[in-house]
Structures are given as C-alpha cells and as structure tokens.
C-alpha cells in the first residue's frame, strides 16, 4: 500500500502523476515546459522526506505487512495442503529473517574461487622469478627441497644378511 503523499500544488501533483506513470524527469520537463531541476524539486516536495525516523517506520510497516502475509499463506497452506502457498510462506519467512538479520550458517563454496585463492598472487610469482635469478642456489632443486647428504656409513638395510656389506660392483 503506497504511502499517502502531500503535494504542495496542482502542478506538483501533475508532475508526480506523470512520474508515477513511468515518465522520466526530462520527458516531464519537456512536456510541461519546465527545467529538469524544477521537475526534480517538485518530485522532492511531493515525495515523503527520507530520514532515520521515516526509514524506521517504513521498515516496521514492511516487516508487519510481510509477517501478516506469511500468517495468511501459512493458514492457506495448512488448510488446503497447497504447495504454492507453502512455497510462498517459506520465501516470505526467508525475507522476514533476512530483514531481522537472522541468517543460516550455510556456507556455499565456489570451487573455482577456492582454487584461485590457493594460487600465488601475481606479485608473489614475480618475486619468486626474481629470487630464482638472484639466488639460484636456493632454487636449484625446483622446489623439491635441499639435496640429501650422502650416507656416511652403510646402514643395516645395506647389508646382505650375514653382516657383511654387498660388493660395490654388482656386475661381477
């Protein structure tokens, strides 16, 4: 239900009616022989002032209307077992909860966005390229970590079972 509007003059009323029917301020200005600014000022006079109080009232009114509709469609859905009324009731309930700041904790993850987030940024890629050129000794193993040191003595796995080490030359 639209808010009651108080127009200052008949011309303001005509401008408001033309604007409400879908005409733009330029079209109205051209048709009525006024400047665009005069049309906009007339619309400002015809429309209610927006401030915290009017926004609060508008919010409360809209919330009341939605809760009232939700009550009506809930009764219809229960009485007639109407799927359409139940769906509308659920959607109204979602909007009422959203207006009140209540939300579900369902987090939907976009796999493409998650993969993009894992990849290094362009800045990090440029920095790594510079560091590979400036300090090649750190990047010699292509990201596989530092080279392993050679073993100093044979381990138990290297013996042949009776305690002796296998021959160095396996081709004998």
Protein backbone atom coordinates (compact mmCIF):
# COMPACT_ATOMS: atom_id res chain seq x y z
CA UNK A 1 0.00 0.00 0.00
CA UNK A 2 1.64 3.28 -1.07
CA UNK A 3 2.37 5.98 1.45
CA UNK A 4 -0.01 8.97 1.47
CA UNK A 5 1.65 11.85 -0.36
CA UNK A 6 1.03 15.53 0.27
CA UNK A 7 1.61 17.64 -2.83
CA UNK A 8 2.26 21.37 -2.48
CA UNK A 9 0.50 22.50 -5.65
CA UNK A 10 -1.57 21.14 -8.52
CA UNK A 11 1.46 21.39 -10.80
CA UNK A 12 3.43 19.26 -8.33
CA UNK A 13 0.58 16.74 -8.39
CA UNK A 14 0.61 16.63 -12.20
CA UNK A 15 4.37 16.16 -12.22
CA UNK A 16 4.12 13.40 -9.63
CA UNK A 17 1.36 11.59 -11.53
CA UNK A 18 3.39 11.75 -14.76
CA UNK A 19 6.47 10.46 -12.92
CA UNK A 20 4.44 7.70 -11.25
CA UNK A 21 3.11 6.59 -14.64
CA UNK A 22 6.68 5.93 -15.75
CA UNK A 23 7.83 9.14 -17.43
CA UNK A 24 11.30 10.42 -16.66
CA UNK A 25 12.12 13.91 -15.36
CA UNK A 26 13.46 15.03 -18.77
CA UNK A 27 10.32 13.95 -20.57
CA UNK A 28 8.10 15.66 -17.98
CA UNK A 29 10.18 18.83 -18.18
CA UNK A 30 9.90 18.88 -21.97
CA UNK A 31 6.13 18.24 -21.94
CA UNK A 32 5.37 20.85 -19.24
CA UNK A 33 7.87 23.47 -20.42
CA UNK A 34 9.89 23.37 -17.19
CA UNK A 35 13.53 22.80 -16.38
CA UNK A 36 14.63 19.36 -15.26
CA UNK A 37 15.64 20.87 -11.92
CA UNK A 38 12.13 22.30 -11.40
CA UNK A 39 10.64 18.84 -12.06
CA UNK A 40 13.05 17.22 -9.60
CA UNK A 41 12.23 19.84 -6.95
CA UNK A 42 8.50 19.24 -7.47
CA UNK A 43 9.06 15.50 -7.03
CA UNK A 44 11.03 16.16 -3.84
CA UNK A 45 8.13 18.23 -2.50
CA UNK A 46 5.59 15.53 -3.43
CA UNK A 47 7.52 12.60 -2.00
CA UNK A 48 7.98 12.00 1.73
CA UNK A 49 11.24 13.04 3.34
CA UNK A 50 13.69 10.22 3.95
CA UNK A 51 15.39 10.29 7.33
CA UNK A 52 16.02 7.78 10.09
CA UNK A 53 12.53 8.11 11.50
CA UNK A 54 10.73 7.66 8.19
CA UNK A 55 13.06 4.82 7.23
CA UNK A 56 12.36 3.13 10.57
CA UNK A 57 8.61 3.48 10.11
CA UNK A 58 8.82 2.20 6.54
CA UNK A 59 10.91 -0.76 7.70
CA UNK A 60 8.48 -1.60 10.51
CA UNK A 61 5.50 -1.28 8.18
CA UNK A 62 7.06 -3.53 5.55
CA UNK A 63 8.01 -6.09 8.18
CA UNK A 64 4.46 -6.02 9.57
CA UNK A 65 2.97 -6.50 6.09
CA UNK A 66 5.28 -9.41 5.32
CA UNK A 67 4.54 -11.11 8.64
CA UNK A 68 0.81 -10.61 8.03
CA UNK A 69 1.10 -12.16 4.56
CA UNK A 70 3.15 -15.01 5.98
CA UNK A 71 0.40 -15.72 8.54
CA UNK A 72 -2.27 -15.74 5.81
CA UNK A 73 -0.37 -18.02 3.45
CA UNK A 74 0.63 -20.34 6.28
CA UNK A 75 -3.06 -20.82 7.13
CA UNK A 76 -3.87 -21.44 3.44
CA UNK A 77 -1.00 -23.93 3.09
CA UNK A 78 -2.14 -25.87 6.18
CA UNK A 79 -5.84 -25.80 5.31
CA UNK A 80 -5.64 -26.57 1.57
CA UNK A 81 -2.36 -28.50 1.56
CA UNK A 82 -1.27 -26.03 -1.13
CA UNK A 83 2.31 -26.45 -2.31
CA UNK A 84 2.29 -22.96 -3.85
CA UNK A 85 1.13 -21.34 -0.61
CA UNK A 86 3.71 -23.31 1.38
CA UNK A 87 6.46 -22.23 -1.02
CA UNK A 88 5.38 -18.59 -0.77
CA UNK A 89 5.23 -18.89 3.01
CA UNK A 90 8.79 -20.25 3.08
CA UNK A 91 10.04 -17.44 0.83
CA UNK A 92 8.31 -14.81 2.97
CA UNK A 93 9.87 -16.37 6.05
CA UNK A 94 13.32 -16.15 4.43
CA UNK A 95 12.81 -12.45 3.69
CA UNK A 96 11.50 -11.73 7.19
CA UNK A 97 14.52 -13.47 8.70
CA UNK A 98 16.86 -11.56 6.39
CA UNK A 99 15.23 -8.25 7.36
CA UNK A 100 15.70 -9.12 11.03
CA UNK A 101 19.33 -10.06 10.48
CA UNK A 102 18.81 -13.75 11.09
CA UNK A 103 20.62 -15.92 8.58
CA UNK A 104 21.51 -19.55 8.19
CA UNK A 105 25.07 -20.65 8.68
CA UNK A 106 25.20 -22.49 5.36
CA UNK A 107 28.39 -21.54 3.59
CA UNK A 108 28.49 -22.28 -0.10
CA UNK A 109 31.98 -22.67 -1.50
CA UNK A 110 32.68 -21.91 -5.12
CA UNK A 111 35.36 -24.46 -6.16
CA UNK A 112 36.74 -22.17 -8.88
CA UNK A 113 37.12 -19.29 -6.43
CA UNK A 114 38.69 -21.61 -3.85
CA UNK A 115 41.28 -22.81 -6.39
CA UNK A 116 42.03 -19.26 -7.46
CA UNK A 117 42.55 -18.29 -3.83
CA UNK A 118 45.13 -21.08 -3.38
CA UNK A 119 47.28 -19.92 -6.28
CA UNK A 120 50.01 -17.36 -5.59
CA UNK A 121 49.31 -13.77 -6.50
CA UNK A 122 50.97 -12.14 -9.47
CA UNK A 123 53.21 -10.20 -7.09
CA UNK A 124 54.38 -13.44 -5.44
CA UNK A 125 55.04 -15.03 -8.85
CA UNK A 126 57.19 -12.05 -9.95
CA UNK A 127 59.06 -12.07 -6.64
CA UNK A 128 59.78 -15.80 -6.95
CA UNK A 129 61.06 -15.35 -10.51
CA UNK A 130 63.41 -12.58 -9.37
CA UNK A 131 64.61 -14.66 -6.41
CA UNK A 132 65.28 -17.68 -8.68
CA UNK A 133 67.54 -15.47 -10.79
CA UNK A 134 69.18 -13.67 -7.85
CA UNK A 135 69.77 -16.75 -5.66
CA UNK A 136 69.80 -19.82 -7.91
CA UNK A 137 71.37 -21.97 -5.17
CA UNK A 138 68.12 -21.79 -3.20
CA UNK A 139 66.00 -22.83 -6.17
CA UNK A 140 68.35 -25.43 -7.75
CA UNK A 141 66.09 -28.36 -6.87
CA UNK A 142 62.95 -26.83 -8.43
CA UNK A 143 61.03 -26.79 -5.16
CA UNK A 144 61.85 -30.35 -4.13
CA UNK A 145 63.82 -29.17 -1.11
CA UNK A 146 67.54 -29.35 -0.43
CA UNK A 147 69.60 -32.26 -1.75
CA UNK A 148 70.08 -35.14 0.66
CA UNK A 149 73.54 -35.67 2.08
CA UNK A 150 75.18 -38.96 1.04
CA UNK A 151 75.25 -41.65 3.76
CA UNK A 152 78.49 -41.79 5.77
CA UNK A 153 78.35 -45.47 6.66
CA UNK A 154 76.29 -48.36 5.32
CA UNK A 155 73.04 -48.88 7.15
CA UNK A 156 71.51 -52.17 8.29
CA UNK A 157 69.41 -52.24 5.12
CA UNK A 158 72.58 -52.22 3.02
CA UNK A 159 74.00 -55.45 4.47
CA UNK A 160 73.41 -58.88 2.90
CA UNK A 161 72.02 -60.64 5.95
CA UNK A 162 75.21 -62.12 7.48
CA UNK A 163 76.57 -58.69 8.46
CA UNK A 164 78.81 -58.03 5.52
CA UNK A 165 78.25 -55.22 3.06
CA UNK A 166 77.38 -56.14 -0.54
CA UNK A 167 80.08 -55.68 -3.13
CA UNK A 168 80.45 -52.24 -4.69
CA UNK A 169 80.50 -53.65 -8.18
CA UNK A 170 77.29 -55.60 -8.83
CA UNK A 171 78.41 -56.67 -12.30
CA UNK A 172 80.87 -59.36 -11.03
